[in-house]
Amino acid sequence: MHTNITMGDYEIKKETEFEDTKTDTEEALEDAGEGLEDAGDKVKAGAKAFGKKVADPDKDLESEYQKEKIEEKMD
């Protein structure tokens, strides 16, 4: 059994592969952006919690961090 592949078939396959790669790259960039945004929110929350701990040494740093982290996610 012989299979004939024409140049048109080859070009369609290459175009489909390119579109799949483009979609995968876009998804990876979107995921990376979300990861950076989450990391930024955590840094902000930590800085705010630390600032509150400095202002009031009796405050628990972990509970302040958790409160600030929730506020950052809501913003």
Protein backbone atom coordinates (compact mmCIF):
# COMPACT_ATOMS: atom_id res chain seq x y z
CA MET A 1 0.00 0.00 0.00
CA HIS A 2 1.43 3.33 -1.04
CA THR A 3 0.66 6.62 0.61
CA ASN A 4 1.08 9.70 -1.45
CA ILE A 5 1.88 12.84 0.50
CA THR A 6 1.59 16.01 -1.45
CA MET A 7 3.35 19.27 -0.76
CA GLY A 8 -0.01 20.72 0.30
CA ASP A 9 -0.38 18.00 2.97
CA TYR A 10 3.12 18.75 4.22
CA GLU A 11 2.41 22.49 4.46
CA ILE A 12 -0.85 21.89 6.37
CA LYS A 13 0.96 19.61 8.82
CA LYS A 14 3.72 22.19 9.37
CA GLU A 15 1.14 24.95 9.91
CA THR A 16 -0.76 22.83 12.44
CA GLU A 17 2.47 22.02 14.31
CA PHE A 18 3.34 25.73 14.41
CA GLU A 19 -0.10 26.64 15.78
CA ASP A 20 0.15 23.92 18.45
CA THR A 21 3.59 25.19 19.48
CA LYS A 22 2.33 28.77 19.54
CA THR A 23 -0.59 27.77 21.78
CA ASP A 24 1.71 25.84 24.13
CA THR A 25 4.07 28.83 24.36
CA GLU A 26 1.23 31.25 25.05
CA GLU A 27 -0.09 28.98 27.82
CA ALA A 28 3.37 28.68 29.37
CA LEU A 29 3.82 32.46 29.33
CA GLU A 30 0.40 32.95 30.89
CA ASP A 31 1.21 30.43 33.64
CA ALA A 32 4.56 32.13 34.27
CA GLY A 33 2.86 35.52 34.51
CA GLU A 34 0.39 34.18 37.04
CA GLY A 35 3.25 32.67 39.04
CA LEU A 36 5.10 35.98 39.09
CA GLU A 37 1.94 37.80 40.13
CA ASP A 38 1.40 35.34 43.00
CA ALA A 39 5.02 35.72 44.09
CA GLY A 40 4.68 39.50 44.02
CA ASP A 41 1.53 39.31 46.15
CA LYS A 42 3.36 37.13 48.68
CA VAL A 43 6.30 39.53 48.89
CA LYS A 44 3.94 42.48 49.41
CA ALA A 45 2.00 40.58 52.08
CA GLY A 46 5.23 39.63 53.86
CA ALA A 47 6.52 43.20 53.78
CA LYS A 48 3.25 44.57 55.17
CA ALA A 49 3.15 41.90 57.90
CA PHE A 50 6.75 42.66 58.84
CA GLY A 51 5.98 46.37 58.99
CA LYS A 52 3.07 45.71 61.34
CA LYS A 53 5.30 43.46 63.48
CA VAL A 54 7.88 46.24 63.77
CA ALA A 55 5.17 48.75 64.70
CA ASP A 56 3.66 46.35 67.27
CA PRO A 57 6.13 43.66 68.46
CA ASP A 58 3.33 41.74 70.21
CA LYS A 59 1.67 40.85 66.88
CA ASP A 60 2.18 37.36 65.48
CA LEU A 61 4.08 37.62 62.19
CA GLU A 62 2.54 34.48 60.65
CA SER A 63 -1.06 35.52 61.34
CA GLU A 64 -0.38 39.03 60.00
CA TYR A 65 1.18 37.51 56.88
CA GLN A 66 -1.87 35.29 56.31
CA LYS A 67 -4.21 38.29 56.68
CA GLU A 68 -2.18 40.39 54.25
CA LYS A 69 -1.90 37.52 51.77
CA ILE A 70 -5.69 37.21 51.68
CA GLU A 71 -6.05 40.97 51.17
CA GLU A 72 -3.51 40.92 48.31
CA LYS A 73 -5.43 38.14 46.55
CA MET A 74 -8.64 40.15 46.82
CA ASP A 75 -7.06 43.23 45.20
